[in-house]
């Protein structure tokens, strides 16, 4: 577990979403402070997940105003392309090793009031999470997330089997909620 919240971090899709919707003022302040000094680094897979989400929502848009808003979000999302960490040979090799160690998702499909995630969708989401974790490992950066069920499983398996990825690891995880806690603590020390 990372002791410092200074970064830089790889942000999982769940972290980007969490910081966009949180009402925790301290977490928002931490995020603003972070973005003033560093990129919100993301995996190429996170871009794929976000674009898929925008495109899916766009296909379900109920009116022209909503569709236009979603098109703007989708067009502006990547921002600085430099912040997107590529799915290169190293990331692919690390992800392949992780999938060999943990081929099946550790948590069940999600259920919402509108729909239930299919097994195929859950498996795809699991594989995306594995690639995001592999991106953080390959780039030797902590992973900021709001998905402990999946990422803690990957971290635990790597701790039990460090021989499978020599020279990499451990997977350094930081939950989004800790950012607000850290900001409140640092504000008390100022």
C-alpha atoms as a PDB file:
ATOM      1  CA  UNK A   1       0.000   0.000   0.000  1.00  0.00           C
ATOM      2  CA  UNK A   2       1.394   3.375  -0.984  1.00  0.00           C
ATOM      3  CA  UNK A   3       2.316   5.619   1.934  1.00  0.00           C
ATOM      4  CA  UNK A   4       2.478   8.788  -0.167  1.00  0.00           C
ATOM      5  CA  UNK A   5      -0.317  10.403  -2.083  1.00  0.00           C
ATOM      6  CA  UNK A   6       1.985  12.685  -4.040  1.00  0.00           C
ATOM      7  CA  UNK A   7       2.024  10.477  -7.156  1.00  0.00           C
ATOM      8  CA  UNK A   8       2.333  10.109  -9.998  1.00  0.00           C
ATOM      9  CA  UNK A   9      -0.475   7.563 -10.260  1.00  0.00           C
ATOM     10  CA  UNK A  10      -2.110   5.472 -12.943  1.00  0.00           C
ATOM     11  CA  UNK A  11      -5.828   6.194 -12.598  1.00  0.00           C
ATOM     12  CA  UNK A  12      -8.239   3.338 -13.222  1.00  0.00           C
ATOM     13  CA  UNK A  13     -11.561   4.127 -14.889  1.00  0.00           C
ATOM     14  CA  UNK A  14     -13.225   3.680 -11.498  1.00  0.00           C
ATOM     15  CA  UNK A  15     -10.958   6.381 -10.022  1.00  0.00           C
ATOM     16  CA  UNK A  16     -11.680   8.875 -12.788  1.00  0.00           C
ATOM     17  CA  UNK A  17     -15.400   8.303 -12.282  1.00  0.00           C
ATOM     18  CA  UNK A  18     -15.113   8.535  -8.492  1.00  0.00           C
ATOM     19  CA  UNK A  19     -13.274  11.875  -8.579  1.00  0.00           C
ATOM     20  CA  UNK A  20     -15.765  13.242 -11.127  1.00  0.00           C
ATOM     21  CA  UNK A  21     -18.771  12.502  -8.931  1.00  0.00           C
ATOM     22  CA  UNK A  22     -17.487  12.664  -5.342  1.00  0.00           C
ATOM     23  CA  UNK A  23     -19.028  15.149  -2.952  1.00  0.00           C
ATOM     24  CA  UNK A  24     -16.053  14.841  -0.586  1.00  0.00           C
ATOM     25  CA  UNK A  25     -14.620  18.375  -0.658  1.00  0.00           C
ATOM     26  CA  UNK A  26     -11.234  17.256   0.653  1.00  0.00           C
ATOM     27  CA  UNK A  27     -10.923  14.593  -2.064  1.00  0.00           C
ATOM     28  CA  UNK A  28     -11.833  17.173  -4.719  1.00  0.00           C
ATOM     29  CA  UNK A  29      -9.183  19.542  -3.322  1.00  0.00           C
ATOM     30  CA  UNK A  30      -6.592  16.767  -3.351  1.00  0.00           C
ATOM     31  CA  UNK A  31      -7.476  15.946  -6.973  1.00  0.00           C
ATOM     32  CA  UNK A  32      -7.269  19.603  -8.033  1.00  0.00           C
ATOM     33  CA  UNK A  33      -3.899  19.934  -6.330  1.00  0.00           C
ATOM     34  CA  UNK A  34      -2.679  16.716  -7.967  1.00  0.00           C
ATOM     35  CA  UNK A  35      -3.750  17.799 -11.477  1.00  0.00           C
ATOM     36  CA  UNK A  36      -1.904  21.093 -11.057  1.00  0.00           C
ATOM     37  CA  UNK A  37       1.403  19.233 -10.691  1.00  0.00           C
ATOM     38  CA  UNK A  38       0.976  16.005 -12.666  1.00  0.00           C
ATOM     39  CA  UNK A  39      -0.972  14.194 -15.366  1.00  0.00           C
ATOM     40  CA  UNK A  40      -3.932  11.994 -14.625  1.00  0.00           C
ATOM     41  CA  UNK A  41      -2.087   9.041 -16.151  1.00  0.00           C
ATOM     42  CA  UNK A  42      -4.334   6.379 -17.674  1.00  0.00           C
ATOM     43  CA  UNK A  43      -3.905   3.114 -19.506  1.00  0.00           C
ATOM     44  CA  UNK A  44      -4.892   2.916 -23.162  1.00  0.00           C
ATOM     45  CA  UNK A  45      -7.504   0.432 -21.938  1.00  0.00           C
ATOM     46  CA  UNK A  46      -9.040   3.129 -19.721  1.00  0.00           C
ATOM     47  CA  UNK A  47      -9.483   5.262 -22.848  1.00  0.00           C
ATOM     48  CA  UNK A  48     -11.159   2.284 -24.532  1.00  0.00           C
ATOM     49  CA  UNK A  49     -13.497   1.836 -21.543  1.00  0.00           C
ATOM     50  CA  UNK A  50     -14.396   5.538 -21.452  1.00  0.00           C
ATOM     51  CA  UNK A  51     -15.002   5.772 -25.201  1.00  0.00           C
ATOM     52  CA  UNK A  52     -17.160   2.638 -25.051  1.00  0.00           C
ATOM     53  CA  UNK A  53     -19.176   4.156 -22.215  1.00  0.00           C
ATOM     54  CA  UNK A  54     -19.680   7.424 -24.070  1.00  0.00           C
ATOM     55  CA  UNK A  55     -20.630   5.635 -27.291  1.00  0.00           C
ATOM     56  CA  UNK A  56     -23.070   3.343 -25.491  1.00  0.00           C
ATOM     57  CA  UNK A  57     -24.678   6.290 -23.691  1.00  0.00           C
ATOM     58  CA  UNK A  58     -24.806   8.216 -26.965  1.00  0.00           C
ATOM     59  CA  UNK A  59     -26.698   5.379 -28.650  1.00  0.00           C
ATOM     60  CA  UNK A  60     -29.271   5.591 -25.821  1.00  0.00           C
ATOM     61  CA  UNK A  61     -29.507   9.388 -25.718  1.00  0.00           C
ATOM     62  CA  UNK A  62     -33.098  10.507 -25.294  1.00  0.00           C
ATOM     63  CA  UNK A  63     -32.770  13.927 -26.919  1.00  0.00           C
ATOM     64  CA  UNK A  64     -30.482  16.055 -29.067  1.00  0.00           C
ATOM     65  CA  UNK A  65     -29.149  18.083 -26.121  1.00  0.00           C
ATOM     66  CA  UNK A  66     -28.059  14.941 -24.272  1.00  0.00           C
ATOM     67  CA  UNK A  67     -26.470  13.545 -27.441  1.00  0.00           C
ATOM     68  CA  UNK A  68     -24.560  16.775 -28.040  1.00  0.00           C
ATOM     69  CA  UNK A  69     -23.310  16.827 -24.444  1.00  0.00           C
ATOM     70  CA  UNK A  70     -22.115  13.206 -24.732  1.00  0.00           C
ATOM     71  CA  UNK A  71     -20.386  13.940 -28.044  1.00  0.00           C
ATOM     72  CA  UNK A  72     -18.525  16.823 -26.392  1.00  0.00           C
ATOM     73  CA  UNK A  73     -17.466  14.625 -23.468  1.00  0.00           C
ATOM     74  CA  UNK A  74     -16.255  11.917 -25.827  1.00  0.00           C
ATOM     75  CA  UNK A  75     -14.342  14.387 -28.009  1.00  0.00           C
ATOM     76  CA  UNK A  76     -12.656  16.121 -25.075  1.00  0.00           C
ATOM     77  CA  UNK A  77     -12.001  13.080 -22.891  1.00  0.00           C
ATOM     78  CA  UNK A  78      -8.454  12.136 -23.849  1.00  0.00           C
ATOM     79  CA  UNK A  79      -7.171  15.657 -23.291  1.00  0.00           C
ATOM     80  CA  UNK A  80      -3.391  15.493 -23.505  1.00  0.00           C
ATOM     81  CA  UNK A  81      -2.547  12.263 -25.376  1.00  0.00           C
ATOM     82  CA  UNK A  82       0.790  12.200 -23.527  1.00  0.00           C
ATOM     83  CA  UNK A  83      -1.080  11.092 -20.382  1.00  0.00           C
ATOM     84  CA  UNK A  84      -2.183   7.820 -22.040  1.00  0.00           C
ATOM     85  CA  UNK A  85       0.209   4.982 -21.218  1.00  0.00           C
ATOM     86  CA  UNK A  86       0.404   2.542 -24.142  1.00  0.00           C
ATOM     87  CA  UNK A  87      -0.473  -1.122 -24.185  1.00  0.00           C
ATOM     88  CA  UNK A  88       3.001  -2.133 -25.293  1.00  0.00           C
ATOM     89  CA  UNK A  89       4.856  -5.458 -25.294  1.00  0.00           C
ATOM     90  CA  UNK A  90       5.794  -5.219 -21.604  1.00  0.00           C
ATOM     91  CA  UNK A  91       2.245  -4.399 -20.502  1.00  0.00           C
ATOM     92  CA  UNK A  92       0.887  -7.221 -22.678  1.00  0.00           C
ATOM     93  CA  UNK A  93       3.358  -9.739 -21.225  1.00  0.00           C
ATOM     94  CA  UNK A  94       2.569  -8.694 -17.637  1.00  0.00           C
ATOM     95  CA  UNK A  95      -1.186  -8.845 -18.321  1.00  0.00           C
ATOM     96  CA  UNK A  96      -0.836 -12.292 -19.889  1.00  0.00           C
ATOM     97  CA  UNK A  97       0.983 -13.553 -16.793  1.00  0.00           C
ATOM     98  CA  UNK A  98      -1.667 -12.076 -14.504  1.00  0.00           C
ATOM     99  CA  UNK A  99      -4.455 -13.673 -16.549  1.00  0.00           C
ATOM    100  CA  UNK A 100      -2.660 -17.024 -16.364  1.00  0.00           C
ATOM    101  CA  UNK A 101      -2.549 -16.658 -12.564  1.00  0.00           C
ATOM    102  CA  UNK A 102      -6.127 -15.377 -12.204  1.00  0.00           C
ATOM    103  CA  UNK A 103      -8.145 -16.275 -15.318  1.00  0.00           C
ATOM    104  CA  UNK A 104     -11.569 -15.647 -13.780  1.00  0.00           C
ATOM    105  CA  UNK A 105     -12.972 -12.505 -12.208  1.00  0.00           C
ATOM    106  CA  UNK A 106     -12.824 -12.584  -8.398  1.00  0.00           C
ATOM    107  CA  UNK A 107     -16.145 -10.780  -8.005  1.00  0.00           C
ATOM    108  CA  UNK A 108     -19.562 -11.501  -9.519  1.00  0.00           C
ATOM    109  CA  UNK A 109     -21.235  -9.542 -12.324  1.00  0.00           C
ATOM    110  CA  UNK A 110     -22.606  -6.162 -11.284  1.00  0.00           C
ATOM    111  CA  UNK A 111     -26.322  -5.647 -10.834  1.00  0.00           C
ATOM    112  CA  UNK A 112     -28.018  -2.284 -10.980  1.00  0.00           C
ATOM    113  CA  UNK A 113     -31.627  -1.225 -10.818  1.00  0.00           C
ATOM    114  CA  UNK A 114     -31.646  -1.151 -14.623  1.00  0.00           C
ATOM    115  CA  UNK A 115     -29.716  -4.221 -15.696  1.00  0.00           C
ATOM    116  CA  UNK A 116     -27.427  -7.062 -14.750  1.00  0.00           C
ATOM    117  CA  UNK A 117     -23.972  -7.437 -16.246  1.00  0.00           C
ATOM    118  CA  UNK A 118     -23.597 -10.569 -18.380  1.00  0.00           C
ATOM    119  CA  UNK A 119     -20.839 -13.106 -17.706  1.00  0.00           C
ATOM    120  CA  UNK A 120     -19.197 -12.049 -20.978  1.00  0.00           C
ATOM    121  CA  UNK A 121     -19.299  -8.373 -19.970  1.00  0.00           C
ATOM    122  CA  UNK A 122     -17.881  -9.227 -16.542  1.00  0.00           C
ATOM    123  CA  UNK A 123     -15.042 -11.223 -18.083  1.00  0.00           C
ATOM    124  CA  UNK A 124     -14.252  -8.326 -20.440  1.00  0.00           C
ATOM    125  CA  UNK A 125     -14.255  -5.859 -17.527  1.00  0.00           C
ATOM    126  CA  UNK A 126     -11.961  -8.195 -15.564  1.00  0.00           C
ATOM    127  CA  UNK A 127      -9.512  -8.388 -18.465  1.00  0.00           C
ATOM    128  CA  UNK A 128      -9.517  -4.598 -18.766  1.00  0.00           C
ATOM    129  CA  UNK A 129      -8.742  -4.311 -15.041  1.00  0.00           C
ATOM    130  CA  UNK A 130      -5.870  -6.765 -15.445  1.00  0.00           C
ATOM    131  CA  UNK A 131      -4.400  -4.648 -18.263  1.00  0.00           C
ATOM    132  CA  UNK A 132      -4.747  -1.487 -16.146  1.00  0.00           C
ATOM    133  CA  UNK A 133      -2.930  -3.235 -13.269  1.00  0.00           C
ATOM    134  CA  UNK A 134      -0.268  -4.459 -15.718  1.00  0.00           C
ATOM    135  CA  UNK A 135       0.143  -0.882 -16.978  1.00  0.00           C
ATOM    136  CA  UNK A 136       0.760   0.342 -13.424  1.00  0.00           C
ATOM    137  CA  UNK A 137       3.227  -2.478 -12.765  1.00  0.00           C
ATOM    138  CA  UNK A 138       5.126  -2.042 -16.037  1.00  0.00           C
ATOM    139  CA  UNK A 139       5.392   1.720 -15.487  1.00  0.00           C
ATOM    140  CA  UNK A 140       6.252   1.266 -11.794  1.00  0.00           C
ATOM    141  CA  UNK A 141       3.471   3.598 -10.709  1.00  0.00           C
ATOM    142  CA  UNK A 142       0.880   3.194  -7.941  1.00  0.00           C
ATOM    143  CA  UNK A 143      -2.663   2.510  -9.108  1.00  0.00           C
ATOM    144  CA  UNK A 144      -5.420   4.863  -7.932  1.00  0.00           C
ATOM    145  CA  UNK A 145      -8.734   2.982  -7.953  1.00  0.00           C
ATOM    146  CA  UNK A 146     -12.193   2.523  -6.510  1.00  0.00           C
ATOM    147  CA  UNK A 147     -12.402  -1.191  -7.249  1.00  0.00           C
ATOM    148  CA  UNK A 148     -10.895  -3.089  -4.305  1.00  0.00           C
ATOM    149  CA  UNK A 149     -12.535  -6.428  -5.114  1.00  0.00           C
ATOM    150  CA  UNK A 150     -10.522  -6.908  -8.292  1.00  0.00           C
ATOM    151  CA  UNK A 151      -7.304  -5.020  -7.656  1.00  0.00           C
ATOM    152  CA  UNK A 152      -6.729  -6.375  -4.137  1.00  0.00           C
ATOM    153  CA  UNK A 153      -7.009  -9.887  -5.586  1.00  0.00           C
ATOM    154  CA  UNK A 154      -4.303  -9.100  -8.145  1.00  0.00           C
ATOM    155  CA  UNK A 155      -2.102  -7.544  -5.449  1.00  0.00           C
ATOM    156  CA  UNK A 156      -2.547 -10.559  -3.164  1.00  0.00           C
ATOM    157  CA  UNK A 157      -1.717 -13.077  -5.879  1.00  0.00           C
ATOM    158  CA  UNK A 158       1.425 -11.140  -6.787  1.00  0.00           C
ATOM    159  CA  UNK A 159       2.496 -11.153  -3.143  1.00  0.00           C
ATOM    160  CA  UNK A 160       2.043 -14.935  -3.022  1.00  0.00           C
ATOM    161  CA  UNK A 161       3.763 -15.502  -6.387  1.00  0.00           C
ATOM    162  CA  UNK A 162       6.460 -12.821  -6.887  1.00  0.00           C
ATOM    163  CA  UNK A 163       8.447 -15.373  -8.907  1.00  0.00           C
ATOM    164  CA  UNK A 164       5.953 -15.015 -11.765  1.00  0.00           C
ATOM    165  CA  UNK A 165       6.878 -11.370 -12.411  1.00  0.00           C
ATOM    166  CA  UNK A 166      10.450 -10.978 -11.165  1.00  0.00           C
ATOM    167  CA  UNK A 167      11.570  -7.384 -10.934  1.00  0.00           C
ATOM    168  CA  UNK A 168       8.008  -6.074 -10.905  1.00  0.00           C
ATOM    169  CA  UNK A 169       5.715  -5.502  -8.013  1.00  0.00           C
ATOM    170  CA  UNK A 170       4.326  -5.278  -5.597  1.00  0.00           C
ATOM    171  CA  UNK A 171       1.182  -3.762  -7.060  1.00  0.00           C
ATOM    172  CA  UNK A 172       0.930  -0.506  -5.135  1.00  0.00           C
ATOM    173  CA  UNK A 173      -2.766   0.323  -4.659  1.00  0.00           C
ATOM    174  CA  UNK A 174      -4.393   3.518  -3.409  1.00  0.00           C
ATOM    175  CA  UNK A 175      -8.148   3.783  -2.859  1.00  0.00           C
ATOM    176  CA  UNK A 176      -9.683   7.083  -3.986  1.00  0.00           C
ATOM    177  CA  UNK A 177     -11.192   7.703  -0.570  1.00  0.00           C
ATOM    178  CA  UNK A 178      -7.678   7.912   0.909  1.00  0.00           C
ATOM    179  CA  UNK A 179      -7.026  11.095  -1.106  1.00  0.00           C
ATOM    180  CA  UNK A 180      -9.613  13.011   0.895  1.00  0.00           C
ATOM    181  CA  UNK A 181      -8.284  11.550   4.142  1.00  0.00           C
ATOM    182  CA  UNK A 182      -4.735  12.587   3.207  1.00  0.00           C
ATOM    183  CA  UNK A 183      -5.871  16.107   2.279  1.00  0.00           C
ATOM    184  CA  UNK A 184      -7.701  16.526   5.597  1.00  0.00           C
ATOM    185  CA  UNK A 185      -4.633  15.264   7.482  1.00  0.00           C
ATOM    186  CA  UNK A 186      -2.262  17.604   5.632  1.00  0.00           C
ATOM    187  CA  UNK A 187      -4.638  20.554   6.166  1.00  0.00           C
ATOM    188  CA  UNK A 188      -4.515  19.872   9.908  1.00  0.00           C
ATOM    189  CA  UNK A 189      -0.710  19.979   9.793  1.00  0.00           C
ATOM    190  CA  UNK A 190      -0.470  23.312   7.956  1.00  0.00           C
END
